PDB file of N, CA and C in Angstrom:
ATOM      1  N   MET A   1       5.047  11.892 -19.037  1.00  0.00           N
ATOM      2  CA  MET A   1       4.120  10.712 -18.875  1.00  0.00           C
ATOM      3  C   MET A   1       2.758  11.561 -18.450  1.00  0.00           C
ATOM      4  N   SER A   2       2.399  11.350 -19.254  1.00  0.00           N
ATOM      5  CA  SER A   2       0.975  12.342 -19.408  1.00  0.00           C
ATOM      6  C   SER A   2       0.015  10.536 -18.363  1.00  0.00           C
ATOM      7  N   SER A   3      -0.035   9.292 -18.774  1.00  0.00           N
ATOM      8  CA  SER A   3      -0.754   9.154 -18.524  1.00  0.00           C
ATOM      9  C   SER A   3      -0.347   8.450 -17.086  1.00  0.00           C
ATOM     10  N   SER A   4      -1.783   7.882 -16.391  1.00  0.00           N
ATOM     11  CA  SER A   4      -0.920   7.568 -14.859  1.00  0.00           C
ATOM     12  C   SER A   4       0.077   5.880 -15.059  1.00  0.00           C
ATOM     13  N   ILE A   5      -0.300   6.196 -13.215  1.00  0.00           N
ATOM     14  CA  ILE A   5       0.394   5.406 -12.471  1.00  0.00           C
ATOM     15  C   ILE A   5      -0.286   4.186 -12.555  1.00  0.00           C
ATOM     16  N   ASP A   6      -0.575   2.766 -13.475  1.00  0.00           N
ATOM     17  CA  ASP A   6      -1.142   2.046 -12.146  1.00  0.00           C
ATOM     18  C   ASP A   6      -0.758   0.890 -10.986  1.00  0.00           C
ATOM     19  N   TYR A   7      -0.857   0.492  -9.798  1.00  0.00           N
ATOM     20  CA  TYR A   7      -0.656  -0.277  -9.115  1.00  0.00           C
ATOM     21  C   TYR A   7      -2.180  -1.143  -8.750  1.00  0.00           C
ATOM     22  N   GLN A   8      -0.995  -2.488  -8.547  1.00  0.00           N
ATOM     23  CA  GLN A   8      -1.895  -3.100  -8.543  1.00  0.00           C
ATOM     24  C   GLN A   8      -0.643  -4.086  -7.360  1.00  0.00           C
ATOM     25  N   ILE A   9      -1.474  -5.776  -6.615  1.00  0.00           N
ATOM     26  CA  ILE A   9      -0.419  -6.968  -5.971  1.00  0.00           C
ATOM     27  C   ILE A   9      -0.547  -7.630  -7.596  1.00  0.00           C
ATOM     28  N   GLU A  10       1.199  -7.816  -6.978  1.00  0.00           N
ATOM     29  CA  GLU A  10       1.407  -8.954  -8.014  1.00  0.00           C
ATOM     30  C   GLU A  10       2.188  -9.610  -7.709  1.00  0.00           C
ATOM     31  N   PRO A  11       1.191 -10.988  -7.005  1.00  0.00           N
ATOM     32  CA  PRO A  11       2.312 -12.240  -6.557  1.00  0.00           C
ATOM     33  C   PRO A  11       3.592 -13.291  -7.341  1.00  0.00           C
ATOM     34  N   ASP A  12       3.152 -12.998  -9.014  1.00  0.00           N
ATOM     35  CA  ASP A  12       3.674 -13.807  -9.267  1.00  0.00           C
ATOM     36  C   ASP A  12       4.675 -12.994 -10.557  1.00  0.00           C
ATOM     37  N   LEU A  13       4.993 -11.644 -10.247  1.00  0.00           N
ATOM     38  CA  LEU A  13       5.823 -10.840 -11.292  1.00  0.00           C
ATOM     39  C   LEU A  13       6.521 -11.891 -10.731  1.00  0.00           C
ATOM     40  N   ASP A  14       7.728 -11.184 -12.163  1.00  0.00           N
ATOM     41  CA  ASP A  14       8.720 -12.567 -12.932  1.00  0.00           C
ATOM     42  C   ASP A  14       9.944 -11.360 -12.829  1.00  0.00           C
ATOM     43  N   VAL A  15      11.030 -12.889 -12.168  1.00  0.00           N
ATOM     44  CA  VAL A  15      12.717 -12.005 -11.579  1.00  0.00           C
ATOM     45  C   VAL A  15      12.766 -11.506 -12.953  1.00  0.00           C
ATOM     46  N   GLU A  16      13.214 -11.299 -14.298  1.00  0.00           N
ATOM     47  CA  GLU A  16      13.183 -10.737 -14.657  1.00  0.00           C
ATOM     48  C   GLU A  16      13.151  -8.821 -15.087  1.00  0.00           C
ATOM     49  N   SER A  17      11.677  -8.786 -14.296  1.00  0.00           N
ATOM     50  CA  SER A  17      11.242  -7.475 -14.229  1.00  0.00           C
ATOM     51  C   SER A  17      11.716  -6.884 -12.874  1.00  0.00           C
ATOM     52  N   PHE A  18      12.131  -8.672 -11.802  1.00  0.00           N
ATOM     53  CA  PHE A  18      11.465  -7.518 -11.016  1.00  0.00           C
ATOM     54  C   PHE A  18      13.495  -7.084 -10.682  1.00  0.00           C
ATOM     55  N   ILE A  19      14.547  -7.471 -11.189  1.00  0.00           N
ATOM     56  CA  ILE A  19      16.028  -7.245 -11.377  1.00  0.00           C
ATOM     57  C   ILE A  19      16.073  -6.346 -12.356  1.00  0.00           C
ATOM     58  N   ASP A  20      15.444  -6.063 -12.964  1.00  0.00           N
ATOM     59  CA  ASP A  20      15.356  -4.857 -14.322  1.00  0.00           C
ATOM     60  C   ASP A  20      14.989  -3.689 -13.227  1.00  0.00           C
ATOM     61  N   VAL A  21      14.004  -3.777 -12.844  1.00  0.00           N
ATOM     62  CA  VAL A  21      13.446  -2.017 -11.985  1.00  0.00           C
ATOM     63  C   VAL A  21      14.197  -1.658 -10.586  1.00  0.00           C
ATOM     64  N   LEU A  22      15.221  -3.174 -10.275  1.00  0.00           N
ATOM     65  CA  LEU A  22      15.957  -2.970  -9.051  1.00  0.00           C
ATOM     66  C   LEU A  22      17.825  -1.988  -9.563  1.00  0.00           C
ATOM     67  N   ARG A  23      17.448  -2.582 -10.982  1.00  0.00           N
ATOM     68  CA  ARG A  23      18.676  -2.136 -11.952  1.00  0.00           C
ATOM     69  C   ARG A  23      18.259  -0.573 -12.397  1.00  0.00           C
ATOM     70  N   ARG A  24      17.088  -0.402 -12.200  1.00  0.00           N
ATOM     71  CA  ARG A  24      16.838   1.182 -12.365  1.00  0.00           C
ATOM     72  C   ARG A  24      16.668   2.062 -11.205  1.00  0.00           C
ATOM     73  N   SER A  25      16.854   1.821 -10.309  1.00  0.00           N
ATOM     74  CA  SER A  25      16.171   2.673  -8.880  1.00  0.00           C
ATOM     75  C   SER A  25      17.636   1.991  -8.415  1.00  0.00           C
ATOM     76  N   THR A  26      18.119   2.373  -7.043  1.00  0.00           N
ATOM     77  CA  THR A  26      19.444   2.346  -6.719  1.00  0.00           C
ATOM     78  C   THR A  26      19.381   1.014  -5.190  1.00  0.00           C
ATOM     79  N   LEU A  27      18.670   0.090  -5.704  1.00  0.00           N
ATOM     80  CA  LEU A  27      18.530  -0.827  -5.471  1.00  0.00           C
ATOM     81  C   LEU A  27      19.632  -2.132  -5.295  1.00  0.00           C
ATOM     82  N   ALA A  28      19.885  -2.501  -6.803  1.00  0.00           N
ATOM     83  CA  ALA A  28      20.378  -2.805  -6.631  1.00  0.00           C
ATOM     84  C   ALA A  28      21.723  -3.066  -6.958  1.00  0.00           C
ATOM     85  N   GLU A  29      22.009  -2.149  -6.065  1.00  0.00           N
ATOM     86  CA  GLU A  29      24.414  -1.159  -5.720  1.00  0.00           C
ATOM     87  C   GLU A  29      23.584  -3.255  -4.213  1.00  0.00           C
ATOM     88  N   ARG A  30      22.599  -3.578  -3.584  1.00  0.00           N
ATOM     89  CA  ARG A  30      22.966  -3.662  -2.568  1.00  0.00           C
ATOM     90  C   ARG A  30      22.265  -5.095  -2.110  1.00  0.00           C
ATOM     91  N   ARG A  31      21.738  -5.773  -3.528  1.00  0.00           N
ATOM     92  CA  ARG A  31      21.207  -6.859  -4.132  1.00  0.00           C
ATOM     93  C   ARG A  31      22.348  -7.767  -4.603  1.00  0.00           C
ATOM     94  N   PRO A  32      21.737  -8.450  -4.620  1.00  0.00           N
ATOM     95  CA  PRO A  32      22.474  -9.589  -5.529  1.00  0.00           C
ATOM     96  C   PRO A  32      22.003 -10.439  -6.865  1.00  0.00           C
ATOM     97  N   VAL A  33      22.062  -9.318  -7.860  1.00  0.00           N
ATOM     98  CA  VAL A  33      21.107  -9.022  -9.046  1.00  0.00           C
ATOM     99  C   VAL A  33      21.585  -9.853  -9.901  1.00  0.00           C
ATOM    100  N   GLU A  34      23.096 -10.110  -9.781  1.00  0.00           N
ATOM    101  CA  GLU A  34      24.150 -10.931 -10.598  1.00  0.00           C
ATOM    102  C   GLU A  34      23.686 -12.303 -10.118  1.00  0.00           C
ATOM    103  N   ASP A  35      22.657 -12.570  -9.719  1.00  0.00           N
ATOM    104  CA  ASP A  35      22.180 -14.579  -9.505  1.00  0.00           C
ATOM    105  C   ASP A  35      21.018 -14.273  -9.186  1.00  0.00           C
ATOM    106  N   ARG A  36      20.467 -14.525 -10.391  1.00  0.00           N
ATOM    107  CA  ARG A  36      19.265 -14.972 -10.570  1.00  0.00           C
ATOM    108  C   ARG A  36      18.084 -15.887 -10.422  1.00  0.00           C
ATOM    109  N   ASP A  37      19.098 -17.138 -10.295  1.00  0.00           N
ATOM    110  CA  ASP A  37      18.873 -17.756  -9.378  1.00  0.00           C
ATOM    111  C   ASP A  37      18.066 -17.193  -7.507  1.00  0.00           C
ATOM    112  N   ARG A  38      19.197 -17.025  -6.622  1.00  0.00           N
ATOM    113  CA  ARG A  38      18.762 -16.346  -5.362  1.00  0.00           C
ATOM    114  C   ARG A  38      17.956 -15.109  -5.566  1.00  0.00           C
ATOM    115  N   MET A  39      17.890 -14.848  -6.857  1.00  0.00           N
ATOM    116  CA  MET A  39      16.657 -13.547  -6.788  1.00  0.00           C
ATOM    117  C   MET A  39      15.349 -14.011  -7.158  1.00  0.00           C
ATOM    118  N   GLU A  40      14.948 -14.943  -7.902  1.00  0.00           N
ATOM    119  CA  GLU A  40      14.249 -15.624  -7.896  1.00  0.00           C
ATOM    120  C   GLU A  40      13.829 -16.295  -6.616  1.00  0.00           C
ATOM    121  N   THR A  41      14.590 -16.884  -6.127  1.00  0.00           N
ATOM    122  CA  THR A  41      14.089 -17.188  -4.766  1.00  0.00           C
ATOM    123  C   THR A  41      13.793 -16.072  -3.705  1.00  0.00           C
ATOM    124  N   MET A  42      14.855 -15.065  -3.490  1.00  0.00           N
ATOM    125  CA  MET A  42      14.146 -13.743  -3.293  1.00  0.00           C
ATOM    126  C   MET A  42      12.527 -13.752  -3.200  1.00  0.00           C
ATOM    127  N   LEU A  43      12.749 -13.602  -4.663  1.00  0.00           N
ATOM    128  CA  LEU A  43      10.531 -12.693  -4.997  1.00  0.00           C
ATOM    129  C   LEU A  43       9.830 -13.801  -4.478  1.00  0.00           C
ATOM    130  N   ARG A  44       9.779 -15.408  -4.700  1.00  0.00           N
ATOM    131  CA  ARG A  44       9.414 -16.167  -4.617  1.00  0.00           C
ATOM    132  C   ARG A  44       8.870 -16.279  -2.476  1.00  0.00           C
ATOM    133  N   GLY A  45       9.475 -15.968  -1.984  1.00  0.00           N
ATOM    134  CA  GLY A  45      10.222 -15.796  -0.063  1.00  0.00           C
ATOM    135  C   GLY A  45       9.172 -14.803   0.222  1.00  0.00           C
ATOM    136  N   ALA A  46       9.000 -14.264  -0.436  1.00  0.00           N
ATOM    137  CA  ALA A  46       7.803 -12.948   0.054  1.00  0.00           C
ATOM    138  C   ALA A  46       6.193 -13.186  -0.617  1.00  0.00           C
ATOM    139  N   ASN A  47       5.227 -12.890   0.362  1.00  0.00           N
ATOM    140  CA  ASN A  47       4.274 -13.710   0.655  1.00  0.00           C
ATOM    141  C   ASN A  47       3.187 -12.332   0.039  1.00  0.00           C
ATOM    142  N   LEU A  48       3.860 -10.988  -0.255  1.00  0.00           N
ATOM    143  CA  LEU A  48       3.307 -10.166  -0.869  1.00  0.00           C
ATOM    144  C   LEU A  48       3.928  -8.877  -1.660  1.00  0.00           C
ATOM    145  N   ILE A  49       3.683  -8.626  -2.547  1.00  0.00           N
ATOM    146  CA  ILE A  49       4.989  -7.936  -4.013  1.00  0.00           C
ATOM    147  C   ILE A  49       3.338  -7.248  -4.251  1.00  0.00           C
ATOM    148  N   ALA A  50       3.543  -5.780  -4.171  1.00  0.00           N
ATOM    149  CA  ALA A  50       2.709  -4.889  -4.933  1.00  0.00           C
ATOM    150  C   ALA A  50       4.001  -3.480  -5.978  1.00  0.00           C
ATOM    151  N   THR A  51       3.084  -3.687  -7.054  1.00  0.00           N
ATOM    152  CA  THR A  51       3.999  -2.672  -8.841  1.00  0.00           C
ATOM    153  C   THR A  51       3.299  -1.718  -9.175  1.00  0.00           C
ATOM    154  N   ALA A  52       3.694  -0.990  -8.992  1.00  0.00           N
ATOM    155  CA  ALA A  52       4.044  -0.191  -9.779  1.00  0.00           C
ATOM    156  C   ALA A  52       4.110   0.166 -11.584  1.00  0.00           C
ATOM    157  N   ARG A  53       3.344   0.584 -11.958  1.00  0.00           N
ATOM    158  CA  ARG A  53       3.740   0.328 -13.335  1.00  0.00           C
ATOM    159  C   ARG A  53       3.209   1.909 -14.767  1.00  0.00           C
ATOM    160  N   HIS A  54       3.766   2.121 -15.519  1.00  0.00           N
ATOM    161  CA  HIS A  54       3.471   2.726 -16.496  1.00  0.00           C
ATOM    162  C   HIS A  54       3.703   2.385 -17.976  1.00  0.00           C
ATOM    163  N   GLU A  55       2.662   2.490 -18.326  1.00  0.00           N
ATOM    164  CA  GLU A  55       2.382   2.256 -19.696  1.00  0.00           C
ATOM    165  C   GLU A  55       3.002   0.877 -19.519  1.00  0.00           C
ATOM    166  N   GLY A  56       2.159  -0.138 -19.032  1.00  0.00           N
ATOM    167  CA  GLY A  56       3.159  -1.091 -19.021  1.00  0.00           C
ATOM    168  C   GLY A  56       4.308  -1.633 -18.144  1.00  0.00           C
ATOM    169  N   ARG A  57       5.162  -0.907 -18.656  1.00  0.00           N
ATOM    170  CA  ARG A  57       6.408  -0.987 -17.782  1.00  0.00           C
ATOM    171  C   ARG A  57       6.562  -1.299 -16.660  1.00  0.00           C
ATOM    172  N   LEU A  58       7.158  -1.654 -15.554  1.00  0.00           N
ATOM    173  CA  LEU A  58       7.303  -1.737 -14.890  1.00  0.00           C
ATOM    174  C   LEU A  58       8.090  -1.112 -13.814  1.00  0.00           C
ATOM    175  N   VAL A  59       7.450  -0.190 -13.122  1.00  0.00           N
ATOM    176  CA  VAL A  59       8.616   1.649 -12.661  1.00  0.00           C
ATOM    177  C   VAL A  59       8.875   1.402 -10.863  1.00  0.00           C
ATOM    178  N   GLY A  60       8.521   0.728 -10.236  1.00  0.00           N
ATOM    179  CA  GLY A  60       8.177   0.505  -8.563  1.00  0.00           C
ATOM    180  C   GLY A  60       7.331  -0.650  -8.337  1.00  0.00           C
ATOM    181  N   VAL A  61       8.147  -1.385  -7.123  1.00  0.00           N
ATOM    182  CA  VAL A  61       8.259  -2.293  -6.121  1.00  0.00           C
ATOM    183  C   VAL A  61       8.209  -2.647  -4.820  1.00  0.00           C
ATOM    184  N   ALA A  62       6.793  -3.445  -4.657  1.00  0.00           N
ATOM    185  CA  ALA A  62       7.734  -3.286  -2.687  1.00  0.00           C
ATOM    186  C   ALA A  62       7.676  -4.510  -2.741  1.00  0.00           C
ATOM    187  N   ARG A  63       8.379  -5.549  -2.253  1.00  0.00           N
ATOM    188  CA  ARG A  63       8.135  -7.020  -1.509  1.00  0.00           C
ATOM    189  C   ARG A  63       8.486  -7.112  -0.169  1.00  0.00           C
ATOM    190  N   ALA A  64       7.035  -8.142   0.250  1.00  0.00           N
ATOM    191  CA  ALA A  64       7.037  -7.932   1.974  1.00  0.00           C
ATOM    192  C   ALA A  64       6.620  -9.096   2.160  1.00  0.00           C
ATOM    193  N   LEU A  65       7.005  -8.826   3.111  1.00  0.00           N
ATOM    194  CA  LEU A  65       6.828 -10.034   4.085  1.00  0.00           C
ATOM    195  C   LEU A  65       5.618  -9.954   6.038  1.00  0.00           C
ATOM    196  N   THR A  66       4.860 -11.144   5.350  1.00  0.00           N
ATOM    197  CA  THR A  66       3.493 -10.465   6.837  1.00  0.00           C
ATOM    198  C   THR A  66       2.691 -11.694   7.407  1.00  0.00           C
ATOM    199  N   ASP A  67       2.464 -11.636   8.214  1.00  0.00           N
ATOM    200  CA  ASP A  67       1.682 -12.099   8.765  1.00  0.00           C
ATOM    201  C   ASP A  67       0.411 -11.807   8.542  1.00  0.00           C
ATOM    202  N   PHE A  68      -0.246 -11.559   8.132  1.00  0.00           N
ATOM    203  CA  PHE A  68      -1.220 -10.481   7.840  1.00  0.00           C
ATOM    204  C   PHE A  68      -2.370  -9.989   9.350  1.00  0.00           C
ATOM    205  N   SER A  69      -1.871 -10.179  10.171  1.00  0.00           N
ATOM    206  CA  SER A  69      -2.342 -10.167  11.496  1.00  0.00           C
ATOM    207  C   SER A  69      -1.527  -8.581  12.036  1.00  0.00           C
ATOM    208  N   PHE A  70      -0.300  -8.833  12.398  1.00  0.00           N
ATOM    209  CA  PHE A  70       0.449  -7.779  13.018  1.00  0.00           C
ATOM    210  C   PHE A  70       1.212  -7.409  12.843  1.00  0.00           C
ATOM    211  N   CYS A  71       1.940  -7.812  11.856  1.00  0.00           N
ATOM    212  CA  CYS A  71       2.880  -7.029  11.167  1.00  0.00           C
ATOM    213  C   CYS A  71       3.786  -7.380   9.845  1.00  0.00           C
ATOM    214  N   THR A  72       4.096  -5.705   8.952  1.00  0.00           N
ATOM    215  CA  THR A  72       4.325  -6.921   8.213  1.00  0.00           C
ATOM    216  C   THR A  72       5.936  -5.791   7.735  1.00  0.00           C
ATOM    217  N   TYR A  73       6.649  -6.726   6.808  1.00  0.00           N
ATOM    218  CA  TYR A  73       8.533  -6.001   7.468  1.00  0.00           C
ATOM    219  C   TYR A  73       8.565  -5.830   5.196  1.00  0.00           C
ATOM    220  N   LEU A  74       8.886  -4.486   5.073  1.00  0.00           N
ATOM    221  CA  LEU A  74       9.145  -4.898   3.748  1.00  0.00           C
ATOM    222  C   LEU A  74      11.204  -4.557   2.951  1.00  0.00           C
ATOM    223  N   SER A  75      10.874  -5.593   2.464  1.00  0.00           N
ATOM    224  CA  SER A  75      12.061  -6.303   2.512  1.00  0.00           C
ATOM    225  C   SER A  75      12.382  -5.493   1.742  1.00  0.00           C
ATOM    226  N   ASP A  76      11.789  -5.099   0.336  1.00  0.00           N
ATOM    227  CA  ASP A  76      12.484  -3.459  -1.105  1.00  0.00           C
ATOM    228  C   ASP A  76      11.347  -2.705  -1.175  1.00  0.00           C
ATOM    229  N   LEU A  77      12.537  -1.510  -1.600  1.00  0.00           N
ATOM    230  CA  LEU A  77      11.046  -1.053  -2.212  1.00  0.00           C
ATOM    231  C   LEU A  77      12.010   0.032  -3.397  1.00  0.00           C
ATOM    232  N   ALA A  78      11.755   0.249  -4.575  1.00  0.00           N
ATOM    233  CA  ALA A  78      12.241   0.671  -4.771  1.00  0.00           C
ATOM    234  C   ALA A  78      11.735   0.972  -6.571  1.00  0.00           C
ATOM    235  N   VAL A  79      12.438   2.257  -6.736  1.00  0.00           N
ATOM    236  CA  VAL A  79      11.643   3.018  -7.718  1.00  0.00           C
ATOM    237  C   VAL A  79      12.446   3.262  -8.757  1.00  0.00           C
ATOM    238  N   ASP A  80      12.183   3.120 -10.714  1.00  0.00           N
ATOM    239  CA  ASP A  80      12.945   3.866 -10.913  1.00  0.00           C
ATOM    240  C   ASP A  80      12.999   5.424 -10.574  1.00  0.00           C
ATOM    241  N   GLU A  81      14.740   5.293 -11.684  1.00  0.00           N
ATOM    242  CA  GLU A  81      15.306   7.708 -11.114  1.00  0.00           C
ATOM    243  C   GLU A  81      14.687   7.720 -11.569  1.00  0.00           C
ATOM    244  N   ALA A  82      14.001   7.353 -13.331  1.00  0.00           N
ATOM    245  CA  ALA A  82      13.352   8.051 -13.456  1.00  0.00           C
ATOM    246  C   ALA A  82      11.638   8.673 -12.987  1.00  0.00           C
ATOM    247  N   TYR A  83      11.124   7.816 -12.327  1.00  0.00           N
ATOM    248  CA  TYR A  83      10.214   8.220 -11.798  1.00  0.00           C
ATOM    249  C   TYR A  83      10.190   8.556 -10.491  1.00  0.00           C
ATOM    250  N   GLN A  84      11.154   8.727  -9.946  1.00  0.00           N
ATOM    251  CA  GLN A  84      11.638   9.021  -8.652  1.00  0.00           C
ATOM    252  C   GLN A  84      10.754  10.442  -8.309  1.00  0.00           C
ATOM    253  N   LYS A  85      10.369  10.744  -6.780  1.00  0.00           N
ATOM    254  CA  LYS A  85       9.926  11.831  -6.405  1.00  0.00           C
ATOM    255  C   LYS A  85       8.920  12.716  -6.714  1.00  0.00           C
ATOM    256  N   ARG A  86       7.660  11.653  -7.181  1.00  0.00           N
ATOM    257  CA  ARG A  86       6.991  11.650  -7.848  1.00  0.00           C
ATOM    258  C   ARG A  86       5.345  11.281  -6.907  1.00  0.00           C
ATOM    259  N   GLY A  87       5.726  10.066  -5.509  1.00  0.00           N
ATOM    260  CA  GLY A  87       5.022   9.682  -4.991  1.00  0.00           C
ATOM    261  C   GLY A  87       5.186   8.607  -4.900  1.00  0.00           C
ATOM    262  N   ILE A  88       5.523   7.418  -6.042  1.00  0.00           N
ATOM    263  CA  ILE A  88       5.110   6.326  -6.722  1.00  0.00           C
ATOM    264  C   ILE A  88       5.580   5.477  -4.865  1.00  0.00           C
ATOM    265  N   GLY A  89       6.645   5.811  -4.505  1.00  0.00           N
ATOM    266  CA  GLY A  89       7.083   4.925  -3.250  1.00  0.00           C
ATOM    267  C   GLY A  89       6.224   4.759  -2.393  1.00  0.00           C
ATOM    268  N   LYS A  90       5.378   6.087  -1.733  1.00  0.00           N
ATOM    269  CA  LYS A  90       4.432   6.611  -1.206  1.00  0.00           C
ATOM    270  C   LYS A  90       2.934   5.193  -1.395  1.00  0.00           C
ATOM    271  N   ALA A  91       2.433   5.495  -2.857  1.00  0.00           N
ATOM    272  CA  ALA A  91       1.508   4.916  -2.802  1.00  0.00           C
ATOM    273  C   ALA A  91       1.614   3.146  -3.009  1.00  0.00           C
ATOM    274  N   LEU A  92       3.489   2.802  -3.191  1.00  0.00           N
ATOM    275  CA  LEU A  92       3.310   1.392  -2.851  1.00  0.00           C
ATOM    276  C   LEU A  92       2.913   1.671  -1.755  1.00  0.00           C
ATOM    277  N   LEU A  93       3.843   1.579  -0.742  1.00  0.00           N
ATOM    278  CA  LEU A  93       3.900   1.624   0.635  1.00  0.00           C
ATOM    279  C   LEU A  93       2.695   1.440   0.877  1.00  0.00           C
ATOM    280  N   ASN A  94       1.495   2.685   0.816  1.00  0.00           N
ATOM    281  CA  ASN A  94      -0.026   2.233   0.620  1.00  0.00           C
ATOM    282  C   ASN A  94      -0.276   1.163   0.030  1.00  0.00           C
ATOM    283  N   GLN A  95       0.036   0.223  -0.627  1.00  0.00           N
ATOM    284  CA  GLN A  95      -1.129  -0.745  -1.551  1.00  0.00           C
ATOM    285  C   GLN A  95      -0.350  -1.404   0.109  1.00  0.00           C
ATOM    286  N   ILE A  96       1.290  -1.944  -0.182  1.00  0.00           N
ATOM    287  CA  ILE A  96       1.468  -2.698   1.028  1.00  0.00           C
ATOM    288  C   ILE A  96       0.284  -2.797   2.315  1.00  0.00           C
ATOM    289  N   ARG A  97      -0.022  -1.830   2.590  1.00  0.00           N
ATOM    290  CA  ARG A  97      -0.577  -1.462   4.634  1.00  0.00           C
ATOM    291  C   ARG A  97      -1.567  -1.818   4.086  1.00  0.00           C
ATOM    292  N   GLU A  98      -2.717  -2.104   2.651  1.00  0.00           N
ATOM    293  CA  GLU A  98      -3.681  -1.669   2.425  1.00  0.00           C
ATOM    294  C   GLU A  98      -3.497  -3.639   2.740  1.00  0.00           C
ATOM    295  N   ALA A  99      -3.010  -4.432   1.180  1.00  0.00           N
ATOM    296  CA  ALA A  99      -3.157  -4.949   0.977  1.00  0.00           C
ATOM    297  C   ALA A  99      -3.313  -6.328   2.629  1.00  0.00           C
ATOM    298  N   SER A 100      -2.060  -5.346   3.359  1.00  0.00           N
ATOM    299  CA  SER A 100      -1.595  -6.602   4.541  1.00  0.00           C
ATOM    300  C   SER A 100      -2.614  -6.762   5.703  1.00  0.00           C
ATOM    301  N   GLY A 101      -3.464  -6.133   5.679  1.00  0.00           N
ATOM    302  CA  GLY A 101      -5.065  -5.861   6.667  1.00  0.00           C
ATOM    303  C   GLY A 101      -4.571  -5.261   7.705  1.00  0.00           C
ATOM    304  N   PRO A 102      -6.092  -5.129   8.207  1.00  0.00           N
ATOM    305  CA  PRO A 102      -7.123  -4.719   8.968  1.00  0.00           C
ATOM    306  C   PRO A 102      -5.820  -4.209  10.207  1.00  0.00           C
ATOM    307  N   ASP A 103      -5.862  -5.549  10.586  1.00  0.00           N
ATOM    308  CA  ASP A 103      -5.233  -5.751  11.676  1.00  0.00           C
ATOM    309  C   ASP A 103      -3.277  -5.663  12.213  1.00  0.00           C
ATOM    310  N   VAL A 104      -2.433  -5.362  10.924  1.00  0.00           N
ATOM    311  CA  VAL A 104      -1.666  -5.228  10.597  1.00  0.00           C
ATOM    312  C   VAL A 104      -1.451  -3.711  11.316  1.00  0.00           C
ATOM    313  N   THR A 105      -0.893  -3.289  12.731  1.00  0.00           N
ATOM    314  CA  THR A 105      -0.322  -2.342  12.682  1.00  0.00           C
ATOM    315  C   THR A 105       0.564  -2.081  13.454  1.00  0.00           C
ATOM    316  N   THR A 106       1.474  -2.339  12.782  1.00  0.00           N
ATOM    317  CA  THR A 106       3.644  -2.705  12.745  1.00  0.00           C
ATOM    318  C   THR A 106       3.960  -2.530  11.107  1.00  0.00           C
ATOM    319  N   LEU A 107       4.545  -1.729  10.529  1.00  0.00           N
ATOM    320  CA  LEU A 107       4.923  -1.145   9.181  1.00  0.00           C
ATOM    321  C   LEU A 107       6.725  -1.883   9.446  1.00  0.00           C
ATOM    322  N   ILE A 108       7.671  -2.237   8.883  1.00  0.00           N
ATOM    323  CA  ILE A 108       9.130  -2.631   9.667  1.00  0.00           C
ATOM    324  C   ILE A 108       9.472  -2.178   8.266  1.00  0.00           C
ATOM    325  N   LEU A 109      10.252  -0.692   7.617  1.00  0.00           N
ATOM    326  CA  LEU A 109      11.186  -0.897   6.740  1.00  0.00           C
ATOM    327  C   LEU A 109      12.414  -0.568   7.209  1.00  0.00           C
ATOM    328  N   LEU A 110      13.247  -0.941   6.595  1.00  0.00           N
ATOM    329  CA  LEU A 110      14.866  -0.716   7.026  1.00  0.00           C
ATOM    330  C   LEU A 110      15.194   0.640   5.647  1.00  0.00           C
ATOM    331  N   ALA A 111      15.774   1.791   5.982  1.00  0.00           N
ATOM    332  CA  ALA A 111      15.429   3.243   4.592  1.00  0.00           C
ATOM    333  C   ALA A 111      17.340   2.348   4.284  1.00  0.00           C
ATOM    334  N   ALA A 112      17.878   2.584   3.786  1.00  0.00           N
ATOM    335  CA  ALA A 112      19.679   2.674   2.737  1.00  0.00           C
ATOM    336  C   ALA A 112      20.167   3.692   2.271  1.00  0.00           C
ATOM    337  N   PRO A 113      20.946   4.676   2.749  1.00  0.00           N
ATOM    338  CA  PRO A 113      21.504   5.934   2.693  1.00  0.00           C
ATOM    339  C   PRO A 113      20.520   6.070   1.404  1.00  0.00           C
ATOM    340  N   LYS A 114      20.679   6.181   0.029  1.00  0.00           N
ATOM    341  CA  LYS A 114      20.771   6.503  -0.121  1.00  0.00           C
ATOM    342  C   LYS A 114      19.310   6.485  -1.230  1.00  0.00           C
ATOM    343  N   ALA A 115      17.675   5.595  -0.140  1.00  0.00           N
ATOM    344  CA  ALA A 115      17.058   5.628  -0.422  1.00  0.00           C
ATOM    345  C   ALA A 115      15.739   6.445  -0.162  1.00  0.00           C
TER     346      ALA A 115
END
């Protein structure tokens, strides 16, 4: 993996890519990935989505809800198992924190056992 990871805010992430990266992480075990319509609703309900891509392939995603004023609730943080332990999750958190705005003082994340 010689090339770098590209991070961006990606509000129009497609549901197929979202489901795919959840499956390549451990998060799909705890999300309704077999229900495409529900996953689409979940994705569109988020108002802040950060992505990590390696050579164009989605390898990480952070999905959040924020008021851009006080707090941000991180709904999903998923990194492809082949890319874990490289700081991608931390970088995605930083992307979310930065995009939430300077007034946001609270970031809420519930961690899962395998997270």
